[in-house]
């Protein structure tokens, strides 16, 4: 009887071990299956690049390829031009590349956001080398990010792959799934405001800056130290601007899109700064305003609807839409001016950083 009990106990122990091994094997197989077939479908390509440090090359490649195809497929149906001056906003756009913790981690005082074409790597690199490298003015932190849509050229898959690598290297790209084009600048601007609303509530200010602009970050921050913290938007404010009715004009707007002869006040798109209580208000108001593709004009329309006046800068020479001829003294006093080339941006920046009096 005792012998039978011993045999039965040994048999049960052996069966338990086999069962445990089978369970572990099945669990491991299930995890591998999920990683190989499901994870690429659920997570972004940027995530795949990150985990690619310890996942097989085949997995990373498969995840990125799937993401690129998925983005292209979604984007192709996201909007279609119904008429020459129709803009597909509001629409629920998604972030393909994101830096959701940027403002919080850097404790940003002001966030500089540069709308730039996906393939314009040179402009991004120049900004990173010059004014975008300035992270601290006194005790105020400055953060710089680039806003992109999806590439539209025939090389879009190659461009997108390069963007994924650039994002992993610099962590300063925000990309959404709309086609990146001149007529979609309003979409790009509204997505920028949505991003600020969702991920940057605790900064004090943000500034939209064109990629061909030279920015004096120190002067900008110093101006903001005494600026209002609510309902504030400033830059080169245009008042009583005529609506362009010439179809040959780059800024042509037909009457059925906007029927008034003059635009309301708006800040020119080369660079405007605003307090961070405004983005959520502008996004909500944008649902009620007929959209025009001139993004700075559209924000002016939204501000007028909100009943919020734009603020002129304390000095009329701080912002210039035309390239200011370089002079060390002059550039030490301005905030933003367009430039004629990326080379100018680099040379002006280097000269302004050298020791010695400005004037």
Protein backbone atom coordinates (compact mmCIF):
# COMPACT_ATOMS: atom_id res chain seq x y z
CA UNK A 1 0.00 0.00 0.00
CA UNK A 2 2.81 2.39 0.96
CA UNK A 3 4.66 1.46 -2.23
CA UNK A 4 1.58 2.19 -4.30
CA UNK A 5 1.26 5.63 -2.67
CA UNK A 6 4.91 6.39 -3.47
CA UNK A 7 4.45 5.41 -7.13
CA UNK A 8 1.27 7.49 -7.36
CA UNK A 9 3.01 10.52 -5.81
CA UNK A 10 5.95 10.22 -8.22
CA UNK A 11 3.58 9.95 -11.16
CA UNK A 12 1.64 13.04 -10.06
CA UNK A 13 4.88 15.03 -9.57
CA UNK A 14 6.11 14.05 -13.01
CA UNK A 15 2.78 14.97 -14.57
CA UNK A 16 2.85 18.33 -12.75
CA UNK A 17 6.31 19.14 -14.14
CA UNK A 18 5.22 18.24 -17.66
CA UNK A 19 2.12 20.38 -17.24
CA UNK A 20 4.16 23.33 -15.94
CA UNK A 21 6.64 23.05 -18.82
CA UNK A 22 3.79 22.92 -21.30
CA UNK A 23 2.20 26.01 -19.73
CA UNK A 24 5.46 28.00 -19.86
CA UNK A 25 6.08 26.93 -23.46
CA UNK A 26 2.57 27.92 -24.50
CA UNK A 27 2.83 31.30 -22.76
CA UNK A 28 6.18 32.06 -24.43
CA UNK A 29 4.77 31.09 -27.82
CA UNK A 30 1.71 33.30 -27.21
CA UNK A 31 3.87 36.32 -26.29
CA UNK A 32 6.03 35.84 -29.39
CA UNK A 33 2.93 35.48 -31.53
CA UNK A 34 1.43 38.70 -30.16
CA UNK A 35 4.69 40.62 -30.63
CA UNK A 36 5.21 39.38 -34.14
CA UNK A 37 1.69 39.77 -35.50
CA UNK A 38 -0.25 42.21 -33.34
CA UNK A 39 2.10 44.74 -31.78
CA UNK A 40 3.21 46.25 -35.12
CA UNK A 41 -0.45 46.89 -35.89
CA UNK A 42 -1.11 48.70 -32.62
CA UNK A 43 1.96 50.81 -31.96
CA UNK A 44 3.58 53.58 -33.95
CA UNK A 45 6.68 53.27 -36.09
CA UNK A 46 8.56 55.57 -33.71
CA UNK A 47 7.80 53.12 -30.91
CA UNK A 48 9.08 50.34 -33.15
CA UNK A 49 12.32 52.24 -33.66
CA UNK A 50 12.76 52.51 -29.90
CA UNK A 51 12.13 48.88 -29.10
CA UNK A 52 14.18 47.98 -32.15
CA UNK A 53 17.19 48.29 -29.88
CA UNK A 54 16.31 44.91 -28.46
CA UNK A 55 13.87 43.39 -30.96
CA UNK A 56 14.83 41.50 -34.12
CA UNK A 57 15.48 43.57 -37.22
CA UNK A 58 12.65 41.79 -39.00
CA UNK A 59 10.20 42.94 -36.34
CA UNK A 60 11.31 46.58 -36.49
CA UNK A 61 11.27 46.65 -40.27
CA UNK A 62 7.85 45.05 -40.39
CA UNK A 63 6.43 47.51 -37.85
CA UNK A 64 7.74 50.55 -39.72
CA UNK A 65 6.56 49.29 -43.09
CA UNK A 66 3.11 48.57 -41.71
CA UNK A 67 2.94 51.99 -40.10
CA UNK A 68 3.92 53.74 -43.33
CA UNK A 69 1.31 51.84 -45.32
CA UNK A 70 -1.36 52.44 -42.70
CA UNK A 71 -0.63 56.18 -42.53
CA UNK A 72 -0.73 56.48 -46.30
CA UNK A 73 -3.99 54.59 -46.51
CA UNK A 74 -5.66 56.66 -43.79
CA UNK A 75 -4.35 59.95 -45.11
CA UNK A 76 -5.49 59.31 -48.64
CA UNK A 77 -9.08 59.22 -47.38
CA UNK A 78 -8.68 61.88 -44.67
CA UNK A 79 -9.59 64.74 -46.97
CA UNK A 80 -10.24 65.39 -50.61
CA UNK A 81 -10.27 68.82 -52.20
CA UNK A 82 -13.90 69.56 -52.95
CA UNK A 83 -13.11 72.99 -54.39
CA UNK A 84 -9.89 75.01 -54.86
CA UNK A 85 -10.21 76.92 -51.57
CA UNK A 86 -11.86 74.33 -49.39
CA UNK A 87 -9.92 73.29 -46.29
CA UNK A 88 -10.67 70.05 -44.47
CA UNK A 89 -10.85 71.42 -40.94
CA UNK A 90 -12.17 70.67 -38.42
CA UNK A 91 -11.33 67.01 -38.83
CA UNK A 92 -9.94 64.49 -36.39
CA UNK A 93 -6.28 64.29 -37.34
CA UNK A 94 -3.91 61.96 -35.53
CA UNK A 95 -0.28 62.32 -34.49
CA UNK A 96 2.13 60.04 -36.31
CA UNK A 97 5.16 61.39 -34.43
CA UNK A 98 4.76 63.05 -31.06
CA UNK A 99 6.67 64.43 -28.10
CA UNK A 100 3.91 64.45 -25.48
CA UNK A 101 6.19 65.04 -22.47
CA UNK A 102 8.39 67.77 -23.97
CA UNK A 103 6.87 70.77 -22.19
CA UNK A 104 6.54 69.03 -18.85
CA UNK A 105 10.06 67.60 -18.86
CA UNK A 106 11.67 70.87 -19.88
CA UNK A 107 9.39 73.06 -17.72
CA UNK A 108 8.96 75.32 -20.73
CA UNK A 109 8.30 79.04 -20.37
CA UNK A 110 7.80 79.41 -24.13
CA UNK A 111 7.46 76.79 -26.86
CA UNK A 112 8.69 77.68 -30.34
CA UNK A 113 6.92 75.67 -33.03
CA UNK A 114 8.23 75.77 -36.58
CA UNK A 115 5.92 74.55 -39.37
CA UNK A 116 8.21 73.00 -41.97
CA UNK A 117 7.89 70.67 -44.95
CA UNK A 118 8.73 67.01 -44.19
CA UNK A 119 11.57 66.94 -46.70
CA UNK A 120 13.15 70.22 -45.57
CA UNK A 121 15.79 68.67 -43.33
CA UNK A 122 18.23 71.49 -44.08
CA UNK A 123 15.98 74.14 -42.51
CA UNK A 124 15.51 72.06 -39.38
CA UNK A 125 19.25 71.48 -39.05
CA UNK A 126 20.01 75.19 -39.43
CA UNK A 127 17.49 76.11 -36.76
CA UNK A 128 18.92 73.44 -34.42
CA UNK A 129 22.35 74.95 -35.04
CA UNK A 130 21.30 78.58 -34.52
CA UNK A 131 18.44 80.12 -32.53
CA UNK A 132 16.78 76.76 -31.88
CA UNK A 133 19.80 75.77 -29.79
CA UNK A 134 19.11 78.50 -27.22
CA UNK A 135 17.40 76.66 -24.37
CA UNK A 136 17.73 79.14 -21.52
CA UNK A 137 17.27 82.92 -21.20
CA UNK A 138 17.87 83.89 -17.60
CA UNK A 139 15.83 81.34 -15.67
CA UNK A 140 13.28 80.83 -18.47
CA UNK A 141 13.36 77.61 -20.50
CA UNK A 142 12.78 77.74 -24.26
CA UNK A 143 11.67 74.61 -26.13
CA UNK A 144 11.77 74.23 -29.92
CA UNK A 145 9.69 71.78 -31.96
CA UNK A 146 8.94 71.25 -35.65
CA UNK A 147 5.41 70.68 -36.97
CA UNK A 148 4.95 68.51 -40.06
CA UNK A 149 2.28 66.83 -42.10
CA UNK A 150 2.75 63.83 -44.36
CA UNK A 151 5.12 64.03 -47.35
CA UNK A 152 3.38 64.25 -50.70
CA UNK A 153 6.25 63.64 -53.12
CA UNK A 154 6.92 60.37 -54.91
CA UNK A 155 9.71 59.69 -52.41
CA UNK A 156 7.32 59.92 -49.47
CA UNK A 157 8.16 56.50 -48.05
CA UNK A 158 11.87 57.31 -48.07
CA UNK A 159 11.21 60.73 -46.54
CA UNK A 160 9.03 59.17 -43.86
CA UNK A 161 11.72 56.65 -42.96
CA UNK A 162 14.23 59.49 -42.65
CA UNK A 163 11.82 61.40 -40.43
CA UNK A 164 11.47 58.42 -38.11
CA UNK A 165 15.24 58.30 -37.71
CA UNK A 166 15.43 62.08 -37.26
CA UNK A 167 12.74 61.91 -34.60
CA UNK A 168 14.59 59.19 -32.72
CA UNK A 169 17.78 61.28 -32.81
CA UNK A 170 16.49 64.74 -31.88
CA UNK A 171 13.09 64.16 -30.24
CA UNK A 172 11.73 67.44 -31.64
CA UNK A 173 9.29 66.42 -34.41
CA UNK A 174 5.51 66.53 -34.26
CA UNK A 175 3.83 65.01 -37.28
CA UNK A 176 0.14 64.63 -38.06
CA UNK A 177 -1.66 62.67 -40.75
CA UNK A 178 -2.67 65.43 -43.18
CA UNK A 179 -0.99 66.11 -46.49
CA UNK A 180 1.69 68.76 -46.02
CA UNK A 181 1.07 71.51 -48.59
CA UNK A 182 0.71 75.28 -48.81
CA UNK A 183 -3.07 75.06 -49.03
CA UNK A 184 -3.09 73.03 -45.82
CA UNK A 185 -1.23 75.56 -43.66
CA UNK A 186 -4.45 76.29 -41.78
CA UNK A 187 -4.75 72.60 -40.93
CA UNK A 188 -1.13 72.58 -39.78
CA UNK A 189 -1.74 75.61 -37.57
CA UNK A 190 -4.88 74.19 -36.00
CA UNK A 191 -3.16 70.87 -35.33
CA UNK A 192 -0.37 72.86 -33.66
CA UNK A 193 -2.96 74.52 -31.41
CA UNK A 194 -4.54 71.15 -30.64
CA UNK A 195 -1.12 69.80 -29.65
CA UNK A 196 -0.48 72.76 -27.36
CA UNK A 197 -3.90 72.28 -25.79
CA UNK A 198 -3.31 68.60 -25.17
CA UNK A 199 0.36 68.48 -24.20
CA UNK A 200 1.56 71.91 -23.13
CA UNK A 201 -0.94 73.38 -20.70
CA UNK A 202 1.60 74.57 -18.14
CA UNK A 203 3.90 76.66 -20.32
CA UNK A 204 3.22 80.42 -20.38
CA UNK A 205 3.58 81.19 -24.09
CA UNK A 206 4.03 79.64 -27.53
CA UNK A 207 5.24 81.10 -30.80
CA UNK A 208 4.70 79.94 -34.33
CA UNK A 209 7.84 80.74 -36.35
CA UNK A 210 8.38 80.21 -40.08
CA UNK A 211 11.46 78.22 -41.05
CA UNK A 212 13.02 81.12 -43.02
CA UNK A 213 12.93 83.46 -40.02
CA UNK A 214 15.85 84.68 -37.94
CA UNK A 215 14.73 84.79 -34.32
CA UNK A 216 16.36 86.72 -31.49
CA UNK A 217 15.23 84.46 -28.65
CA UNK A 218 16.62 86.63 -25.86
CA UNK A 219 14.69 89.70 -27.01
CA UNK A 220 11.54 87.60 -27.41
CA UNK A 221 11.72 86.27 -23.85
CA UNK A 222 12.50 89.73 -22.45
CA UNK A 223 9.42 91.14 -24.19
CA UNK A 224 7.25 88.39 -22.70
CA UNK A 225 8.41 89.03 -19.15
CA UNK A 226 6.11 92.05 -19.08
CA UNK A 227 3.44 90.74 -21.49
CA UNK A 228 -0.12 89.75 -20.49
CA UNK A 229 -0.54 86.09 -19.56
CA UNK A 230 -4.10 85.83 -20.86
CA UNK A 231 -5.83 86.62 -24.19
CA UNK A 232 -2.52 87.73 -25.64
CA UNK A 233 -1.39 87.46 -29.25
CA UNK A 234 1.27 89.67 -30.78
CA UNK A 235 3.62 89.95 -33.72
CA UNK A 236 3.51 92.06 -36.86
CA UNK A 237 -0.17 92.99 -36.63
CA UNK A 238 -1.84 93.94 -39.91
CA UNK A 239 -4.96 96.08 -39.85
CA UNK A 240 -7.44 96.80 -42.66
CA UNK A 241 -5.69 94.53 -45.15
CA UNK A 242 -7.34 94.27 -48.55
CA UNK A 243 -8.63 90.89 -49.65
CA UNK A 244 -6.85 89.78 -52.83
CA UNK A 245 -9.39 89.19 -55.62
CA UNK A 246 -6.88 88.64 -58.41
CA UNK A 247 -6.96 84.92 -59.31
CA UNK A 248 -3.28 85.14 -60.24
CA UNK A 249 -2.31 86.20 -56.71
CA UNK A 250 -0.79 83.69 -54.31
CA UNK A 251 -3.21 85.00 -51.66
CA UNK A 252 -6.35 85.01 -53.84
CA UNK A 253 -9.61 84.49 -51.97
CA UNK A 254 -12.91 84.33 -53.92
CA UNK A 255 -15.99 86.13 -52.60
CA UNK A 256 -17.86 82.90 -51.92
CA UNK A 257 -15.13 81.99 -49.41
CA UNK A 258 -14.84 85.43 -47.77
CA UNK A 259 -17.10 88.20 -49.00
CA UNK A 260 -15.80 91.22 -47.05
CA UNK A 261 -13.38 93.66 -48.77
CA UNK A 262 -11.06 93.90 -45.74
CA UNK A 263 -9.67 91.31 -43.34
CA UNK A 264 -9.97 91.76 -39.59
CA UNK A 265 -6.72 92.45 -37.72
CA UNK A 266 -4.31 89.50 -37.79
CA UNK A 267 -0.66 88.78 -36.99
CA UNK A 268 1.44 87.98 -40.05
CA UNK A 269 2.48 84.35 -40.27
CA UNK A 270 6.23 84.92 -40.24
CA UNK A 271 6.02 84.68 -36.45
CA UNK A 272 3.34 85.38 -33.85
CA UNK A 273 3.44 84.75 -30.12
CA UNK A 274 0.47 84.01 -27.87
CA UNK A 275 -0.42 83.12 -24.30
CA UNK A 276 -1.28 79.48 -23.75
CA UNK A 277 -4.83 80.10 -22.63
CA UNK A 278 -5.65 80.91 -26.28
CA UNK A 279 -5.17 77.57 -28.09
CA UNK A 280 -8.19 75.87 -26.54
CA UNK A 281 -10.35 78.93 -27.26
CA UNK A 282 -9.14 79.13 -30.86
CA UNK A 283 -9.69 75.42 -31.47
CA UNK A 284 -13.29 75.66 -30.23
CA UNK A 285 -13.97 78.82 -32.21
CA UNK A 286 -12.51 77.26 -35.36
CA UNK A 287 -15.51 74.93 -35.44
CA UNK A 288 -17.75 77.96 -36.01
CA UNK A 289 -15.76 79.92 -38.61
CA UNK A 290 -15.65 79.23 -42.33
CA UNK A 291 -12.08 78.17 -42.93
CA UNK A 292 -9.71 79.93 -45.32
CA UNK A 293 -6.34 78.52 -46.33
CA UNK A 294 -4.48 81.68 -45.23
CA UNK A 295 -3.66 80.49 -41.73
CA UNK A 296 -2.76 83.86 -40.21
CA UNK A 297 -5.94 85.41 -41.58
CA UNK A 298 -7.98 82.51 -40.22
CA UNK A 299 -6.58 83.04 -36.72
CA UNK A 300 -7.49 86.73 -37.08
CA UNK A 301 -11.05 85.71 -37.93
CA UNK A 302 -11.13 83.47 -34.85
CA UNK A 303 -9.75 86.23 -32.60
CA UNK A 304 -12.38 88.66 -33.92
CA UNK A 305 -15.13 86.11 -33.25
CA UNK A 306 -13.81 85.71 -29.70
CA UNK A 307 -13.79 89.49 -29.24
CA UNK A 308 -10.08 89.46 -28.31
CA UNK A 309 -7.93 92.29 -29.67
CA UNK A 310 -4.43 91.59 -30.92
CA UNK A 311 -1.58 93.34 -29.12
CA UNK A 312 0.92 95.45 -31.01
CA UNK A 313 4.54 94.84 -29.95
CA UNK A 314 6.14 97.58 -27.81
CA UNK A 315 8.35 98.58 -30.76
CA UNK A 316 7.26 98.59 -34.38
CA UNK A 317 10.71 97.44 -35.53
CA UNK A 318 10.73 94.17 -33.58
CA UNK A 319 9.12 92.13 -36.40
CA UNK A 320 9.83 92.46 -40.12
CA UNK A 321 8.17 90.55 -42.95
CA UNK A 322 10.89 91.72 -45.37
CA UNK A 323 14.50 90.60 -44.85
CA UNK A 324 16.37 93.16 -42.78
CA UNK A 325 19.86 93.88 -44.10
CA UNK A 326 22.26 92.49 -41.55
CA UNK A 327 23.74 94.88 -39.07
CA UNK A 328 24.98 93.64 -35.72
CA UNK A 329 23.44 96.58 -33.87
CA UNK A 330 20.09 96.29 -35.67
CA UNK A 331 19.82 92.52 -35.20
CA UNK A 332 20.59 92.86 -31.50
CA UNK A 333 17.36 94.87 -31.13
CA UNK A 334 14.84 92.99 -33.30
CA UNK A 335 12.88 89.83 -32.51
CA UNK A 336 12.07 88.28 -35.88
CA UNK A 337 12.83 88.93 -39.54
CA UNK A 338 12.62 86.81 -42.64
CA UNK A 339 15.92 85.96 -44.31
CA UNK A 340 16.93 85.31 -47.90
CA UNK A 341 18.75 82.02 -47.30
CA UNK A 342 19.69 79.42 -44.71
CA UNK A 343 23.28 80.53 -45.08
CA UNK A 344 22.29 84.03 -43.97
CA UNK A 345 20.65 82.61 -40.87
CA UNK A 346 23.84 80.79 -39.89
CA UNK A 347 26.19 83.70 -40.61
CA UNK A 348 23.99 86.27 -38.85
CA UNK A 349 23.64 84.03 -35.82
CA UNK A 350 27.38 83.36 -35.53
CA UNK A 351 28.24 87.04 -35.83
CA UNK A 352 25.66 88.01 -33.23
CA UNK A 353 27.13 85.50 -30.76
CA UNK A 354 30.70 86.82 -30.91
CA UNK A 355 31.91 88.87 -27.90
CA UNK A 356 31.97 92.63 -27.97
CA UNK A 357 29.47 95.51 -28.08
CA UNK A 358 26.55 95.28 -30.50
CA UNK A 359 26.41 98.98 -31.36
